[in-house]
Protein backbone atom coordinates (compact mmCIF):
# COMPACT_ATOMS: atom_id res chain seq x y z
CA UNK A 1 31.77 -13.04 1.90
CA UNK A 2 34.80 -14.45 0.15
CA UNK A 3 37.01 -17.05 1.92
CA UNK A 4 40.16 -14.49 1.92
CA UNK A 5 40.84 -15.02 -1.88
CA UNK A 6 40.97 -11.88 -3.90
CA UNK A 7 37.32 -11.29 -5.32
CA UNK A 8 36.62 -10.86 -8.88
CA UNK A 9 34.19 -8.18 -9.87
CA UNK A 10 32.33 -7.47 -13.15
CA UNK A 11 31.73 -3.75 -13.61
CA UNK A 12 28.65 -3.94 -16.12
CA UNK A 13 28.31 -0.33 -16.66
CA UNK A 14 26.91 1.60 -19.56
CA UNK A 15 27.21 5.04 -21.29
CA UNK A 16 26.10 6.95 -17.96
CA UNK A 17 27.54 4.99 -15.12
CA UNK A 18 30.63 4.17 -17.10
CA UNK A 19 32.51 1.08 -15.98
CA UNK A 20 35.71 3.12 -15.24
CA UNK A 21 33.64 4.92 -12.82
CA UNK A 22 32.74 1.74 -10.81
CA UNK A 23 36.25 0.34 -11.23
CA UNK A 24 37.57 3.53 -9.91
CA UNK A 25 35.17 3.75 -6.72
CA UNK A 26 36.08 0.02 -6.09
CA UNK A 27 39.64 0.74 -5.93
CA UNK A 28 38.93 3.36 -3.21
CA UNK A 29 37.25 0.53 -1.11
CA UNK A 30 39.25 -2.81 -1.50
CA UNK A 31 41.83 -4.71 -3.55
CA UNK A 32 40.09 -6.71 -6.25
CA UNK A 33 40.15 -7.75 -9.83
CA UNK A 34 37.82 -5.86 -11.85
CA UNK A 35 36.62 -6.68 -15.49
CA UNK A 36 34.74 -4.17 -17.42
CA UNK A 37 31.93 -4.28 -19.51
CA UNK A 38 30.00 -1.53 -21.35
CA UNK A 39 26.34 -1.97 -22.11
CA UNK A 40 24.69 0.07 -24.70
CA UNK A 41 22.18 2.30 -22.65
CA UNK A 42 21.20 4.90 -23.10
CA UNK A 43 22.35 4.83 -26.75
CA UNK A 44 20.40 1.72 -27.12
CA UNK A 45 16.91 1.71 -25.36
CA UNK A 46 16.29 -0.68 -22.29
CA UNK A 47 13.15 -2.79 -21.88
CA UNK A 48 11.95 -6.24 -20.50
CA UNK A 49 14.51 -8.96 -20.98
CA UNK A 50 12.95 -12.45 -20.08
CA UNK A 51 11.38 -11.98 -16.81
CA UNK A 52 12.81 -8.49 -15.66
CA UNK A 53 12.20 -5.04 -16.48
CA UNK A 54 14.20 -2.24 -17.47
CA UNK A 55 17.46 -3.88 -18.57
CA UNK A 56 19.81 -3.91 -21.57
CA UNK A 57 19.19 -7.19 -23.79
CA UNK A 58 22.60 -8.40 -22.90
CA UNK A 59 22.22 -11.95 -21.41
CA UNK A 60 24.71 -13.45 -23.47
CA UNK A 61 27.61 -10.82 -22.96
CA UNK A 62 26.57 -10.76 -19.11
CA UNK A 63 27.08 -14.52 -18.99
CA UNK A 64 30.37 -14.43 -20.55
CA UNK A 65 31.74 -11.60 -18.72
CA UNK A 66 30.49 -13.23 -15.54
CA UNK A 67 32.64 -16.69 -15.74
CA UNK A 68 34.48 -17.07 -12.47
CA UNK A 69 33.29 -13.78 -11.00
CA UNK A 70 31.79 -13.51 -7.41
CA UNK A 71 30.41 -9.81 -7.69
CA UNK A 72 28.36 -8.14 -10.45
CA UNK A 73 28.13 -4.32 -10.19
CA UNK A 74 25.55 -3.02 -12.82
CA UNK A 75 22.73 -0.56 -13.81
CA UNK A 76 21.24 -2.32 -16.74
CA UNK A 77 22.54 -5.75 -16.61
CA UNK A 78 19.77 -8.16 -17.02
CA UNK A 79 19.97 -10.42 -13.94
CA UNK A 80 17.61 -13.03 -15.15
CA UNK A 81 17.17 -16.65 -14.30
CA UNK A 82 19.09 -17.76 -17.03
CA UNK A 83 21.95 -15.30 -16.34
CA UNK A 84 22.17 -16.69 -12.58
CA UNK A 85 21.82 -20.27 -13.46
CA UNK A 86 24.86 -19.84 -15.91
CA UNK A 87 26.92 -18.00 -13.20
CA UNK A 88 27.31 -20.54 -10.31
CA UNK A 89 30.05 -18.47 -8.74
CA UNK A 90 28.01 -15.23 -8.41
CA UNK A 91 27.25 -14.26 -4.83
CA UNK A 92 26.54 -10.53 -4.83
CA UNK A 93 24.73 -8.39 -7.09
CA UNK A 94 24.91 -4.80 -6.64
CA UNK A 95 22.39 -2.52 -8.73
CA UNK A 96 23.51 1.09 -9.30
CA UNK A 97 19.94 2.54 -9.37
CA UNK A 98 17.15 3.16 -6.83
CA UNK A 99 15.61 -0.27 -7.33
CA UNK A 100 16.59 -3.65 -8.84
CA UNK A 101 14.06 -3.93 -11.58
CA UNK A 102 16.64 -5.42 -13.58
CA UNK A 103 16.96 -8.55 -11.16
CA UNK A 104 14.87 -11.52 -10.77
CA UNK A 105 14.77 -11.52 -6.87
CA UNK A 106 13.15 -14.82 -6.55
CA UNK A 107 15.51 -16.52 -8.64
CA UNK A 108 18.63 -14.61 -6.77
CA UNK A 109 17.14 -16.03 -3.61
CA UNK A 110 17.22 -19.61 -5.15
CA UNK A 111 20.79 -19.34 -6.12
CA UNK A 112 21.87 -17.69 -3.00
CA UNK A 113 22.94 -14.51 -4.47
CA UNK A 114 22.73 -11.25 -2.36
CA UNK A 115 21.12 -8.24 -4.03
CA UNK A 116 21.64 -4.58 -3.13
CA UNK A 117 20.74 -1.30 -4.70
CA UNK A 118 21.89 2.33 -4.56
CA UNK A 119 19.03 4.60 -2.88
CA UNK A 120 19.24 8.10 -2.75
CA UNK A 121 21.67 8.34 -5.84
CA UNK A 122 19.57 10.97 -7.79
CA UNK A 123 17.59 12.59 -4.86
CA UNK A 124 19.67 16.07 -5.18
CA UNK A 125 19.69 15.90 -8.96
CA UNK A 126 16.04 15.24 -9.16
CA UNK A 127 15.06 17.72 -6.69
CA UNK A 128 17.23 20.48 -8.61
CA UNK A 129 15.54 19.36 -11.98
CA UNK A 130 12.12 19.72 -10.30
CA UNK A 131 12.63 23.31 -9.22
CA UNK A 132 14.14 24.29 -12.74
CA UNK A 133 10.84 22.49 -14.50
CA UNK A 134 8.80 24.49 -12.10
CA UNK A 135 10.48 27.81 -12.82
CA UNK A 136 10.38 27.12 -16.55
CA UNK A 137 6.67 26.43 -16.32
CA UNK A 138 5.94 29.39 -14.14
CA UNK A 139 8.14 31.89 -16.33
CA UNK A 140 7.25 30.41 -19.61
CA UNK A 141 10.95 30.28 -20.37
CA UNK A 142 10.87 27.45 -23.19
CA UNK A 143 8.23 29.25 -24.89
CA UNK A 144 10.39 32.51 -24.88
CA UNK A 145 13.42 30.53 -25.98
CA UNK A 146 11.43 29.24 -28.90
CA UNK A 147 10.19 32.65 -30.14
CA UNK A 148 13.68 33.98 -29.99
CA UNK A 149 16.03 31.19 -30.71
CA UNK A 150 14.06 29.22 -33.48
CA UNK A 151 11.62 31.79 -34.83
CA UNK A 152 14.15 34.97 -34.34
CA UNK A 153 11.23 37.12 -33.07
CA UNK A 154 12.09 39.57 -30.43
CA UNK A 155 8.29 40.10 -29.86
CA UNK A 156 7.57 38.58 -26.43
CA UNK A 157 4.90 41.37 -25.82
CA UNK A 158 2.28 38.69 -25.33
CA UNK A 159 4.21 37.47 -22.20
CA UNK A 160 4.16 40.86 -20.72
CA UNK A 161 0.40 41.30 -20.75
CA UNK A 162 -1.09 40.55 -17.24
CA UNK A 163 -3.10 37.71 -18.37
CA UNK A 164 -0.07 35.90 -19.79
CA UNK A 165 2.61 36.73 -17.79
CA UNK A 166 4.15 34.32 -15.52
CA UNK A 167 3.87 33.60 -11.73
CA UNK A 168 6.81 34.30 -9.11
CA UNK A 169 7.77 31.86 -6.55
CA UNK A 170 7.80 34.42 -3.68
CA UNK A 171 4.88 33.98 -1.51
CA UNK A 172 3.31 31.37 -4.18
CA UNK A 173 1.25 28.52 -2.31
CA UNK A 174 3.10 25.47 -3.52
CA UNK A 175 1.66 21.88 -2.72
CA UNK A 176 4.20 18.80 -2.40
CA UNK A 177 2.72 15.46 -2.61
CA UNK A 178 5.57 13.26 -0.94
CA UNK A 179 8.12 14.26 1.45
CA UNK A 180 10.92 11.67 0.89
CA UNK A 181 14.51 12.32 -0.28
CA UNK A 182 13.35 14.20 -3.27
CA UNK A 183 10.27 16.05 -1.84
CA UNK A 184 12.31 17.21 1.08
CA UNK A 185 14.98 18.75 -0.93
CA UNK A 186 12.26 20.29 -3.14
CA UNK A 187 10.64 21.82 0.02
CA UNK A 188 13.95 23.30 1.38
CA UNK A 189 14.86 24.99 -1.99
CA UNK A 190 11.32 26.32 -2.32
CA UNK A 191 11.33 27.97 1.28
CA UNK A 192 14.57 29.72 0.19
CA UNK A 193 12.61 31.37 -2.80
CA UNK A 194 10.00 32.45 -0.14
CA UNK A 195 7.13 30.07 -1.52
CA UNK A 196 4.36 29.00 1.07
CA UNK A 197 5.23 25.50 1.09
CA UNK A 198 2.44 22.84 1.94
CA UNK A 199 3.06 19.03 2.30
CA UNK A 200 0.87 15.98 2.14
CA UNK A 201 2.56 12.74 2.87
CA UNK A 202 0.81 10.41 5.26
CA UNK A 203 3.93 8.31 5.72
CA UNK A 204 6.48 10.91 6.83
CA UNK A 205 6.74 11.63 10.48
CA UNK A 206 8.69 14.63 12.29
CA UNK A 207 9.61 18.23 11.36
CA UNK A 208 9.11 19.38 7.87
CA UNK A 209 10.06 22.38 5.72
CA UNK A 210 6.55 23.87 5.32
CA UNK A 211 3.12 23.26 6.52
CA UNK A 212 1.89 19.59 6.83
CA UNK A 213 -1.92 19.02 5.45
CA UNK A 214 -3.78 16.37 6.81
CA UNK A 215 -5.42 15.50 3.33
CA UNK A 216 -4.49 15.37 -0.31
CA UNK A 217 -7.68 17.43 -1.11
CA UNK A 218 -7.04 20.23 1.30
CA UNK A 219 -3.49 20.48 -0.26
CA UNK A 220 -4.95 20.62 -3.66
CA UNK A 221 -7.73 23.34 -2.87
CA UNK A 222 -5.05 25.57 -1.41
CA UNK A 223 -2.37 25.10 -3.98
CA UNK A 224 -1.41 27.35 -6.88
CA UNK A 225 1.30 24.73 -7.79
CA UNK A 226 1.26 21.18 -7.21
CA UNK A 227 4.32 19.00 -7.54
CA UNK A 228 4.51 15.03 -7.28
CA UNK A 229 7.22 13.19 -5.33
CA UNK A 230 5.22 10.04 -4.20
CA UNK A 231 6.36 6.66 -4.88
CA UNK A 232 4.83 4.65 -7.49
CA UNK A 233 2.63 1.77 -5.87
CA UNK A 234 -0.76 0.28 -6.28
CA UNK A 235 -2.26 2.90 -3.91
CA UNK A 236 -0.71 5.85 -5.83
CA UNK A 237 -1.01 4.89 -9.27
CA UNK A 238 -3.55 7.40 -10.78
CA UNK A 239 -3.46 9.46 -7.75
CA UNK A 240 -4.10 12.73 -9.50
CA UNK A 241 -6.92 12.31 -11.65
CA UNK A 242 -9.80 14.75 -13.07
CA UNK A 243 -11.54 14.95 -9.90
CA UNK A 244 -8.29 16.03 -8.01
CA UNK A 245 -7.19 18.40 -10.71
CA UNK A 246 -10.64 19.89 -10.32
CA UNK A 247 -10.03 20.61 -6.84
CA UNK A 248 -6.88 23.20 -7.83
CA UNK A 249 -7.66 26.78 -8.30
CA UNK A 250 -8.19 27.92 -11.75
CA UNK A 251 -4.86 28.81 -13.65
CA UNK A 252 -2.98 26.39 -11.38
CA UNK A 253 0.20 24.72 -12.66
CA UNK A 254 1.13 20.86 -12.29
CA UNK A 255 4.73 19.57 -11.88
CA UNK A 256 5.76 15.81 -12.35
CA UNK A 257 9.26 14.45 -12.41
CA UNK A 258 8.52 11.39 -10.11
CA UNK A 259 6.61 8.69 -12.10
CA UNK A 260 4.12 9.01 -14.90
CA UNK A 261 1.65 6.75 -13.70
CA UNK A 262 0.88 9.07 -10.74
CA UNK A 263 -0.90 11.27 -12.80
CA UNK A 264 -3.87 10.71 -15.28
CA UNK A 265 -2.42 12.31 -18.58
CA UNK A 266 -5.98 12.42 -20.52
CA UNK A 267 -7.13 14.20 -17.33
CA UNK A 268 -4.32 16.43 -17.23
CA UNK A 269 -4.58 17.24 -21.01
CA UNK A 270 -8.38 18.27 -20.66
CA UNK A 271 -7.49 20.43 -17.70
CA UNK A 272 -4.85 22.30 -19.62
CA UNK A 273 -7.06 22.43 -23.01
CA UNK A 274 -10.24 23.91 -21.05
CA UNK A 275 -7.92 26.37 -19.17
CA UNK A 276 -8.41 25.22 -15.80
CA UNK A 277 -4.66 24.61 -15.55
CA UNK A 278 -2.59 27.31 -17.02
CA UNK A 279 0.74 25.00 -17.46
CA UNK A 280 2.29 21.67 -16.43
CA UNK A 281 5.86 20.59 -16.74
CA UNK A 282 6.68 16.83 -17.11
CA UNK A 283 9.55 14.71 -17.03
CA UNK A 284 7.90 11.25 -16.85
CA UNK A 285 5.09 9.67 -18.64
CA UNK A 286 2.48 6.91 -18.31
CA UNK A 287 4.17 5.78 -21.55
CA UNK A 288 7.87 6.19 -22.50
CA UNK A 289 9.07 7.13 -24.86
CA UNK A 290 6.28 9.70 -25.02
CA UNK A 291 4.15 8.46 -28.02
CA UNK A 292 3.77 10.61 -31.14
CA UNK A 293 -0.05 10.57 -30.78
CA UNK A 294 -0.05 11.79 -27.21
CA UNK A 295 -2.32 14.90 -26.75
CA UNK A 296 0.87 16.52 -24.91
CA UNK A 297 2.44 17.53 -28.20
CA UNK A 298 -0.56 19.83 -29.24
CA UNK A 299 -0.30 21.62 -25.95
CA UNK A 300 3.32 23.17 -26.62
CA UNK A 301 2.35 26.55 -25.56
CA UNK A 302 1.22 25.42 -22.15
CA UNK A 303 3.77 22.41 -21.12
CA UNK A 304 7.31 21.86 -20.71
CA UNK A 305 8.24 18.35 -21.61
CA UNK A 306 11.62 16.75 -21.05
CA UNK A 307 12.66 12.86 -21.84
CA UNK A 308 13.03 11.45 -18.29
CA UNK A 309 16.17 13.40 -17.52
CA UNK A 310 15.63 14.31 -13.94
CA UNK A 311 18.43 11.97 -12.63
CA UNK A 312 20.68 12.81 -15.42
CA UNK A 313 23.89 14.44 -13.89
CA UNK A 314 27.34 13.35 -13.60
CA UNK A 315 27.09 13.43 -10.01
CA UNK A 316 24.51 10.84 -10.14
CA UNK A 317 26.60 8.38 -11.88
CA UNK A 318 29.55 9.03 -9.53
CA UNK A 319 27.43 8.68 -6.49
CA UNK A 320 25.90 5.40 -7.74
CA UNK A 321 29.12 3.79 -8.20
CA UNK A 322 30.38 5.14 -4.91
CA UNK A 323 27.34 3.65 -3.12
CA UNK A 324 27.68 0.24 -4.86
CA UNK A 325 31.51 0.02 -4.18
CA UNK A 326 30.62 0.91 -0.53
CA UNK A 327 28.67 -2.27 -0.46
CA UNK A 328 31.02 -4.57 -1.95
CA UNK A 329 33.45 -3.67 0.48
CA UNK A 330 31.25 -4.14 3.30
CA UNK A 331 30.37 -7.67 1.64
CA UNK A 332 34.04 -8.56 1.22
CA UNK A 333 34.71 -7.71 5.20
CA UNK A 334 31.91 -9.57 6.12
CA UNK A 335 30.11 -6.37 7.51
CA UNK A 336 26.27 -5.93 7.44
CA UNK A 337 25.12 -4.78 3.84
CA UNK A 338 23.40 -1.42 4.10
CA UNK A 339 20.84 -1.59 1.34
CA UNK A 340 20.31 -5.42 0.61
CA UNK A 341 17.02 -6.98 -0.67
CA UNK A 342 18.00 -10.64 -0.50
């Protein structure tokens, strides 16, 4: 919290969460001096920077911009030991994403810097994208688009044969692994379609939309479609492997718009190649970008692949800026922070 002087904020946005969005959101919360900095993502890839993960390689630019600033609002700014050590007036970092993977939290504690984040910013967008991916996989929409738009062929007769026509959601048993902010929204949407929604989440209590099942194995055995919504932890890494995929009924569909390492990609490819699975829809992968040698590329007739776009909506950027600005307002007013990690 400041001592009553006008706080100085650096809005280190990028080409998704624009610095102007952060500045405008801050203007609705408090009077402050805002400096704007535009980092390169997504036009430039993020990666590991010093000791932090998933950041723009811009330590020098960030240090220069933070001179005399008390607050940093950013999505991709690399908040490293070097940056923190070079910015002694910095007291608050607000990360416009679901987790501060671009921040050295231990160093922030040592430098007496509070760190906040923006949970739930992309829950609605990811849920909608999941349903879209599911529909695309079930009804073979990308394959039909490719046939007509790219090959100029009207002959979709193959997709009208019984064996190759798609599935519809009404009355379809769909299993959700995870029932957090995204999974719960997907469940509500699928119930509206008339799907038979089943949920496995050992950490969620209370009422749910759908039937709660006590074990993952039971969910897989009963699901024609399974969609993943679990957090990536040591426990959930590789959660769905060859054994789990074999429990699904033949012809099942797998959807992953959560985290790539939840799913064993080699096992998935094997299940698609031998026909045990009829389709899959993936937005996240074990290795990103998806490498050219991935077996998934050879399965284009059975998979829907997108480059980690589930959270890419204008509303996500606007929500992230608003959540971050609200945290800055709380800090300046001396109120408890809503989403603080340090």
